[in-house]
């Protein structure tokens, strides 16, 4: 069970990081994918998404490393 959580959190951290980079590279992907313009073209929604995804990615990666350390400590 712990290994599944480890792998799931790692995958989510990687996905969040990729989406953050994608949002930085392609600013209008929200408009293209969902067909809405939540910030009326100002870019504020995209900036908020980049910040949120970055924070999620960092938090998940930190937990992955914590789980990894715990696993190694138990094995030793």
PDB file of N, CA and C in Angstrom:
ATOM      1  N   UNK A   1       0.818  -1.198   0.000  1.00  0.00           N
ATOM      2  CA  UNK A   1       0.000   0.000   0.000  1.00  0.00           C
ATOM      3  C   UNK A   1       0.864   1.265   0.000  1.00  0.00           C
ATOM      4  N   UNK A   2       1.932   1.262   0.793  1.00  0.00           N
ATOM      5  CA  UNK A   2       2.811   2.436   0.845  1.00  0.00           C
ATOM      6  C   UNK A   2       3.505   2.655  -0.493  1.00  0.00           C
ATOM      7  N   UNK A   3       3.870   1.563  -1.155  1.00  0.00           N
ATOM      8  CA  UNK A   3       4.529   1.696  -2.454  1.00  0.00           C
ATOM      9  C   UNK A   3       3.568   2.288  -3.486  1.00  0.00           C
ATOM     10  N   UNK A   4       2.306   1.899  -3.427  1.00  0.00           N
ATOM     11  CA  UNK A   4       1.318   2.443  -4.364  1.00  0.00           C
ATOM     12  C   UNK A   4       1.145   3.944  -4.114  1.00  0.00           C
ATOM     13  N   UNK A   5       1.099   4.348  -2.839  1.00  0.00           N
ATOM     14  CA  UNK A   5       0.968   5.767  -2.511  1.00  0.00           C
ATOM     15  C   UNK A   5       2.190   6.529  -3.009  1.00  0.00           C
ATOM     16  N   UNK A   6       3.364   5.952  -2.808  1.00  0.00           N
ATOM     17  CA  UNK A   6       4.614   6.555  -3.267  1.00  0.00           C
ATOM     18  C   UNK A   6       4.568   6.791  -4.773  1.00  0.00           C
ATOM     19  N   UNK A   7       4.202   5.763  -5.514  1.00  0.00           N
ATOM     20  CA  UNK A   7       4.171   5.870  -6.972  1.00  0.00           C
ATOM     21  C   UNK A   7       3.098   6.855  -7.442  1.00  0.00           C
ATOM     22  N   UNK A   8       1.935   6.848  -6.791  1.00  0.00           N
ATOM     23  CA  UNK A   8       0.852   7.763  -7.159  1.00  0.00           C
ATOM     24  C   UNK A   8       1.254   9.213  -6.899  1.00  0.00           C
ATOM     25  N   UNK A   9       1.845   9.479  -5.745  1.00  0.00           N
ATOM     26  CA  UNK A   9       2.277  10.842  -5.437  1.00  0.00           C
ATOM     27  C   UNK A   9       3.399  11.300  -6.361  1.00  0.00           C
ATOM     28  N   UNK A  10       4.299  10.398  -6.692  1.00  0.00           N
ATOM     29  CA  UNK A  10       5.369  10.737  -7.624  1.00  0.00           C
ATOM     30  C   UNK A  10       4.801  11.084  -9.001  1.00  0.00           C
ATOM     31  N   UNK A  11       3.858  10.286  -9.472  1.00  0.00           N
ATOM     32  CA  UNK A  11       3.227  10.543 -10.772  1.00  0.00           C
ATOM     33  C   UNK A  11       2.476  11.872 -10.765  1.00  0.00           C
ATOM     34  N   UNK A  12       1.769  12.154  -9.684  1.00  0.00           N
ATOM     35  CA  UNK A  12       1.033  13.414  -9.589  1.00  0.00           C
ATOM     36  C   UNK A  12       1.978  14.618  -9.515  1.00  0.00           C
ATOM     37  N   UNK A  13       3.096  14.472  -8.809  1.00  0.00           N
ATOM     38  CA  UNK A  13       4.079  15.555  -8.731  1.00  0.00           C
ATOM     39  C   UNK A  13       4.663  15.842 -10.112  1.00  0.00           C
ATOM     40  N   UNK A  14       4.980  14.796 -10.851  1.00  0.00           N
ATOM     41  CA  UNK A  14       5.517  14.968 -12.204  1.00  0.00           C
ATOM     42  C   UNK A  14       4.480  15.597 -13.117  1.00  0.00           C
ATOM     43  N   UNK A  15       3.233  15.125 -13.040  1.00  0.00           N
ATOM     44  CA  UNK A  15       2.163  15.670 -13.877  1.00  0.00           C
ATOM     45  C   UNK A  15       1.920  17.142 -13.565  1.00  0.00           C
ATOM     46  N   UNK A  16       1.909  17.509 -12.286  1.00  0.00           N
ATOM     47  CA  UNK A  16       1.703  18.907 -11.912  1.00  0.00           C
ATOM     48  C   UNK A  16       2.841  19.781 -12.424  1.00  0.00           C
ATOM     49  N   UNK A  17       4.065  19.274 -12.344  1.00  0.00           N
ATOM     50  CA  UNK A  17       5.207  20.030 -12.868  1.00  0.00           C
ATOM     51  C   UNK A  17       5.131  20.227 -14.370  1.00  0.00           C
ATOM     52  N   UNK A  18       4.746  19.178 -15.073  1.00  0.00           N
ATOM     53  CA  UNK A  18       4.604  19.270 -16.535  1.00  0.00           C
ATOM     54  C   UNK A  18       3.505  20.254 -16.906  1.00  0.00           C
ATOM     55  N   UNK A  19       2.375  20.205 -16.201  1.00  0.00           N
ATOM     56  CA  UNK A  19       1.285  21.137 -16.486  1.00  0.00           C
ATOM     57  C   UNK A  19       1.684  22.581 -16.184  1.00  0.00           C
ATOM     58  N   UNK A  20       2.486  22.795 -15.141  1.00  0.00           N
ATOM     59  CA  UNK A  20       2.959  24.146 -14.840  1.00  0.00           C
ATOM     60  C   UNK A  20       3.838  24.673 -15.972  1.00  0.00           C
ATOM     61  N   UNK A  21       4.741  23.832 -16.461  1.00  0.00           N
ATOM     62  CA  UNK A  21       5.614  24.238 -17.569  1.00  0.00           C
ATOM     63  C   UNK A  21       4.783  24.456 -18.838  1.00  0.00           C
ATOM     64  N   UNK A  22       3.815  23.588 -19.080  1.00  0.00           N
ATOM     65  CA  UNK A  22       2.935  23.744 -20.237  1.00  0.00           C
ATOM     66  C   UNK A  22       2.182  25.070 -20.171  1.00  0.00           C
ATOM     67  N   UNK A  23       1.705  25.418 -18.986  1.00  0.00           N
ATOM     68  CA  UNK A  23       0.975  26.673 -18.827  1.00  0.00           C
ATOM     69  C   UNK A  23       1.887  27.864 -19.057  1.00  0.00           C
ATOM     70  N   UNK A  24       3.146  27.767 -18.645  1.00  0.00           N
ATOM     71  CA  UNK A  24       4.088  28.847 -18.919  1.00  0.00           C
ATOM     72  C   UNK A  24       4.370  28.976 -20.415  1.00  0.00           C
ATOM     73  N   UNK A  25       4.447  27.837 -21.102  1.00  0.00           N
ATOM     74  CA  UNK A  25       4.795  27.845 -22.526  1.00  0.00           C
ATOM     75  C   UNK A  25       3.606  28.215 -23.408  1.00  0.00           C
ATOM     76  N   UNK A  26       2.428  27.687 -23.087  1.00  0.00           N
ATOM     77  CA  UNK A  26       1.226  27.924 -23.899  1.00  0.00           C
ATOM     78  C   UNK A  26       0.184  28.578 -23.004  1.00  0.00           C
ATOM     79  N   UNK A  27       0.166  29.908 -23.006  1.00  0.00           N
ATOM     80  CA  UNK A  27      -0.664  30.653 -22.067  1.00  0.00           C
ATOM     81  C   UNK A  27      -2.162  30.450 -22.264  1.00  0.00           C
ATOM     82  N   UNK A  28      -2.597  30.198 -23.466  1.00  0.00           N
ATOM     83  CA  UNK A  28      -4.040  30.148 -23.717  1.00  0.00           C
ATOM     84  C   UNK A  28      -4.601  28.731 -23.842  1.00  0.00           C
ATOM     85  N   UNK A  29      -3.953  27.749 -23.201  1.00  0.00           N
ATOM     86  CA  UNK A  29      -4.451  26.377 -23.322  1.00  0.00           C
ATOM     87  C   UNK A  29      -5.809  26.213 -22.667  1.00  0.00           C
ATOM     88  N   UNK A  30      -6.103  26.996 -21.640  1.00  0.00           N
ATOM     89  CA  UNK A  30      -7.419  26.899 -20.989  1.00  0.00           C
ATOM     90  C   UNK A  30      -8.515  27.302 -21.972  1.00  0.00           C
ATOM     91  N   UNK A  31      -8.283  28.387 -22.682  1.00  0.00           N
ATOM     92  CA  UNK A  31      -9.265  28.845 -23.656  1.00  0.00           C
ATOM     93  C   UNK A  31      -9.453  27.824 -24.773  1.00  0.00           C
ATOM     94  N   UNK A  32      -8.354  27.210 -25.204  1.00  0.00           N
ATOM     95  CA  UNK A  32      -8.409  26.234 -26.296  1.00  0.00           C
ATOM     96  C   UNK A  32      -9.105  24.956 -25.848  1.00  0.00           C
ATOM     97  N   UNK A  33      -8.731  24.425 -24.693  1.00  0.00           N
ATOM     98  CA  UNK A  33      -9.278  23.142 -24.233  1.00  0.00           C
ATOM     99  C   UNK A  33     -10.718  23.271 -23.769  1.00  0.00           C
ATOM    100  N   UNK A  34     -11.009  24.284 -22.939  1.00  0.00           N
ATOM    101  CA  UNK A  34     -12.333  24.388 -22.334  1.00  0.00           C
ATOM    102  C   UNK A  34     -13.270  25.357 -23.033  1.00  0.00           C
ATOM    103  N   UNK A  35     -12.758  26.180 -23.914  1.00  0.00           N
ATOM    104  CA  UNK A  35     -13.597  27.104 -24.657  1.00  0.00           C
ATOM    105  C   UNK A  35     -14.121  28.263 -23.820  1.00  0.00           C
ATOM    106  N   UNK A  36     -13.449  28.585 -22.724  1.00  0.00           N
ATOM    107  CA  UNK A  36     -13.844  29.721 -21.882  1.00  0.00           C
ATOM    108  C   UNK A  36     -12.634  30.617 -21.669  1.00  0.00           C
ATOM    109  N   UNK A  37     -12.901  31.867 -21.327  1.00  0.00           N
ATOM    110  CA  UNK A  37     -11.830  32.817 -21.045  1.00  0.00           C
ATOM    111  C   UNK A  37     -12.068  33.380 -19.647  1.00  0.00           C
ATOM    112  N   UNK A  38     -11.581  32.698 -18.607  1.00  0.00           N
ATOM    113  CA  UNK A  38     -11.921  33.073 -17.236  1.00  0.00           C
ATOM    114  C   UNK A  38     -11.366  34.425 -16.777  1.00  0.00           C
ATOM    115  N   UNK A  39     -10.317  34.907 -17.411  1.00  0.00           N
ATOM    116  CA  UNK A  39      -9.702  36.160 -16.970  1.00  0.00           C
ATOM    117  C   UNK A  39      -9.801  37.268 -18.011  1.00  0.00           C
ATOM    118  N   UNK A  40     -10.624  37.080 -19.009  1.00  0.00           N
ATOM    119  CA  UNK A  40     -10.842  38.072 -20.065  1.00  0.00           C
ATOM    120  C   UNK A  40      -9.540  38.499 -20.737  1.00  0.00           C
ATOM    121  N   UNK A  41      -8.615  37.556 -20.901  1.00  0.00           N
ATOM    122  CA  UNK A  41      -7.385  37.820 -21.630  1.00  0.00           C
ATOM    123  C   UNK A  41      -6.266  38.453 -20.830  1.00  0.00           C
ATOM    124  N   UNK A  42      -6.432  38.647 -19.524  1.00  0.00           N
ATOM    125  CA  UNK A  42      -5.379  39.314 -18.743  1.00  0.00           C
ATOM    126  C   UNK A  42      -4.222  38.392 -18.382  1.00  0.00           C
ATOM    127  N   UNK A  43      -4.447  37.092 -18.380  1.00  0.00           N
ATOM    128  CA  UNK A  43      -3.392  36.147 -18.034  1.00  0.00           C
ATOM    129  C   UNK A  43      -3.315  35.839 -16.553  1.00  0.00           C
ATOM    130  N   UNK A  44      -4.198  36.433 -15.759  1.00  0.00           N
ATOM    131  CA  UNK A  44      -4.184  36.217 -14.313  1.00  0.00           C
ATOM    132  C   UNK A  44      -4.530  34.773 -13.955  1.00  0.00           C
ATOM    133  N   UNK A  45      -5.475  34.183 -14.651  1.00  0.00           N
ATOM    134  CA  UNK A  45      -5.857  32.790 -14.371  1.00  0.00           C
ATOM    135  C   UNK A  45      -4.682  31.851 -14.650  1.00  0.00           C
ATOM    136  N   UNK A  46      -3.986  32.089 -15.740  1.00  0.00           N
ATOM    137  CA  UNK A  46      -2.844  31.252 -16.072  1.00  0.00           C
ATOM    138  C   UNK A  46      -1.737  31.385 -15.031  1.00  0.00           C
ATOM    139  N   UNK A  47      -1.488  32.610 -14.574  1.00  0.00           N
ATOM    140  CA  UNK A  47      -0.458  32.825 -13.553  1.00  0.00           C
ATOM    141  C   UNK A  47      -0.846  32.120 -12.251  1.00  0.00           C
ATOM    142  N   UNK A  48      -2.111  32.196 -11.881  1.00  0.00           N
ATOM    143  CA  UNK A  48      -2.575  31.520 -10.666  1.00  0.00           C
ATOM    144  C   UNK A  48      -2.450  30.007 -10.802  1.00  0.00           C
ATOM    145  N   UNK A  49      -2.732  29.492 -11.984  1.00  0.00           N
ATOM    146  CA  UNK A  49      -2.617  28.052 -12.223  1.00  0.00           C
ATOM    147  C   UNK A  49      -1.164  27.614 -12.132  1.00  0.00           C
ATOM    148  N   UNK A  50      -0.246  28.389 -12.681  1.00  0.00           N
ATOM    149  CA  UNK A  50       1.180  28.048 -12.608  1.00  0.00           C
ATOM    150  C   UNK A  50       1.634  28.004 -11.154  1.00  0.00           C
ATOM    151  N   UNK A  51       1.259  28.995 -10.369  1.00  0.00           N
ATOM    152  CA  UNK A  51       1.647  29.034  -8.960  1.00  0.00           C
ATOM    153  C   UNK A  51       1.055  27.849  -8.210  1.00  0.00           C
ATOM    154  N   UNK A  52      -0.234  27.581  -8.432  1.00  0.00           N
ATOM    155  CA  UNK A  52      -0.891  26.471  -7.736  1.00  0.00           C
ATOM    156  C   UNK A  52      -0.269  25.130  -8.115  1.00  0.00           C
ATOM    157  N   UNK A  53      -0.029  24.918  -9.396  1.00  0.00           N
ATOM    158  CA  UNK A  53       0.577  23.663  -9.832  1.00  0.00           C
ATOM    159  C   UNK A  53       1.995  23.508  -9.306  1.00  0.00           C
ATOM    160  N   UNK A  54       2.740  24.592  -9.251  1.00  0.00           N
ATOM    161  CA  UNK A  54       4.089  24.535  -8.704  1.00  0.00           C
ATOM    162  C   UNK A  54       4.049  24.147  -7.223  1.00  0.00           C
ATOM    163  N   UNK A  55       3.131  24.756  -6.465  1.00  0.00           N
ATOM    164  CA  UNK A  55       3.020  24.434  -5.042  1.00  0.00           C
ATOM    165  C   UNK A  55       2.591  22.986  -4.830  1.00  0.00           C
ATOM    166  N   UNK A  56       1.668  22.509  -5.639  1.00  0.00           N
ATOM    167  CA  UNK A  56       1.231  21.113  -5.543  1.00  0.00           C
ATOM    168  C   UNK A  56       2.399  20.183  -5.868  1.00  0.00           C
ATOM    169  N   UNK A  57       3.140  20.499  -6.901  1.00  0.00           N
ATOM    170  CA  UNK A  57       4.269  19.672  -7.301  1.00  0.00           C
ATOM    171  C   UNK A  57       5.326  19.610  -6.204  1.00  0.00           C
ATOM    172  N   UNK A  58       5.641  20.738  -5.600  1.00  0.00           N
ATOM    173  CA  UNK A  58       6.642  20.775  -4.528  1.00  0.00           C
ATOM    174  C   UNK A  58       6.154  19.998  -3.308  1.00  0.00           C
ATOM    175  N   UNK A  59       4.894  20.183  -2.939  1.00  0.00           N
ATOM    176  CA  UNK A  59       4.353  19.487  -1.765  1.00  0.00           C
ATOM    177  C   UNK A  59       4.345  17.974  -1.974  1.00  0.00           C
ATOM    178  N   UNK A  60       3.925  17.535  -3.139  1.00  0.00           N
ATOM    179  CA  UNK A  60       3.898  16.098  -3.416  1.00  0.00           C
ATOM    180  C   UNK A  60       5.311  15.520  -3.483  1.00  0.00           C
ATOM    181  N   UNK A  61       6.211  16.244  -4.100  1.00  0.00           N
ATOM    182  CA  UNK A  61       7.598  15.760  -4.182  1.00  0.00           C
ATOM    183  C   UNK A  61       8.218  15.666  -2.787  1.00  0.00           C
ATOM    184  N   UNK A  62       7.932  16.628  -1.929  1.00  0.00           N
ATOM    185  CA  UNK A  62       8.457  16.578  -0.560  1.00  0.00           C
ATOM    186  C   UNK A  62       7.916  15.362   0.178  1.00  0.00           C
ATOM    187  N   UNK A  63       6.638  15.072  -0.006  1.00  0.00           N
ATOM    188  CA  UNK A  63       6.056  13.902   0.655  1.00  0.00           C
ATOM    189  C   UNK A  63       6.630  12.605   0.087  1.00  0.00           C
ATOM    190  N   UNK A  64       6.901  12.580  -1.207  1.00  0.00           N
ATOM    191  CA  UNK A  64       7.513  11.398  -1.817  1.00  0.00           C
ATOM    192  C   UNK A  64       8.892  11.145  -1.198  1.00  0.00           C
ATOM    193  N   UNK A  65       9.680  12.187  -1.048  1.00  0.00           N
ATOM    194  CA  UNK A  65      11.002  12.021  -0.449  1.00  0.00           C
ATOM    195  C   UNK A  65      10.908  11.615   1.023  1.00  0.00           C
ATOM    196  N   UNK A  66       9.898  12.142   1.721  1.00  0.00           N
ATOM    197  CA  UNK A  66       9.688  11.755   3.113  1.00  0.00           C
ATOM    198  C   UNK A  66       9.337  10.276   3.207  1.00  0.00           C
ATOM    199  N   UNK A  67       8.439   9.818   2.342  1.00  0.00           N
ATOM    200  CA  UNK A  67       8.067   8.406   2.332  1.00  0.00           C
ATOM    201  C   UNK A  67       9.264   7.526   1.984  1.00  0.00           C
ATOM    202  N   UNK A  68      10.085   7.993   1.068  1.00  0.00           N
ATOM    203  CA  UNK A  68      11.263   7.230   0.664  1.00  0.00           C
ATOM    204  C   UNK A  68      12.244   7.084   1.825  1.00  0.00           C
ATOM    205  N   UNK A  69      12.449   8.192   2.564  1.00  0.00           N
ATOM    206  CA  UNK A  69      13.330   8.157   3.726  1.00  0.00           C
ATOM    207  C   UNK A  69      12.805   7.211   4.795  1.00  0.00           C
ATOM    208  N   UNK A  70      11.492   7.244   5.035  1.00  0.00           N
ATOM    209  CA  UNK A  70      10.887   6.349   6.024  1.00  0.00           C
ATOM    210  C   UNK A  70      11.058   4.882   5.625  1.00  0.00           C
ATOM    211  N   UNK A  71      10.862   4.616   4.337  1.00  0.00           N
ATOM    212  CA  UNK A  71      11.013   3.251   3.849  1.00  0.00           C
ATOM    213  C   UNK A  71      12.435   2.741   4.022  1.00  0.00           C
ATOM    214  N   UNK A  72      13.398   3.587   3.730  1.00  0.00           N
ATOM    215  CA  UNK A  72      14.802   3.199   3.871  1.00  0.00           C
ATOM    216  C   UNK A  72      15.174   3.002   5.343  1.00  0.00           C
ATOM    217  N   UNK A  73      14.619   3.834   6.215  1.00  0.00           N
ATOM    218  CA  UNK A  73      14.909   3.714   7.656  1.00  0.00           C
ATOM    219  C   UNK A  73      14.339   2.414   8.211  1.00  0.00           C
ATOM    220  N   UNK A  74      13.182   2.016   7.733  1.00  0.00           N
ATOM    221  CA  UNK A  74      12.568   0.765   8.198  1.00  0.00           C
ATOM    222  C   UNK A  74      13.327  -0.446   7.681  1.00  0.00           C
ATOM    223  N   UNK A  75      13.900  -0.320   6.498  1.00  0.00           N
ATOM    224  CA  UNK A  75      14.629  -1.453   5.900  1.00  0.00           C
ATOM    225  C   UNK A  75      15.994  -1.651   6.568  1.00  0.00           C
ATOM    226  N   UNK A  76      16.531  -0.594   7.123  1.00  0.00           N
ATOM    227  CA  UNK A  76      17.877  -0.681   7.723  1.00  0.00           C
ATOM    228  C   UNK A  76      17.855  -1.299   9.110  1.00  0.00           C
TER     229      UNK A  76
END
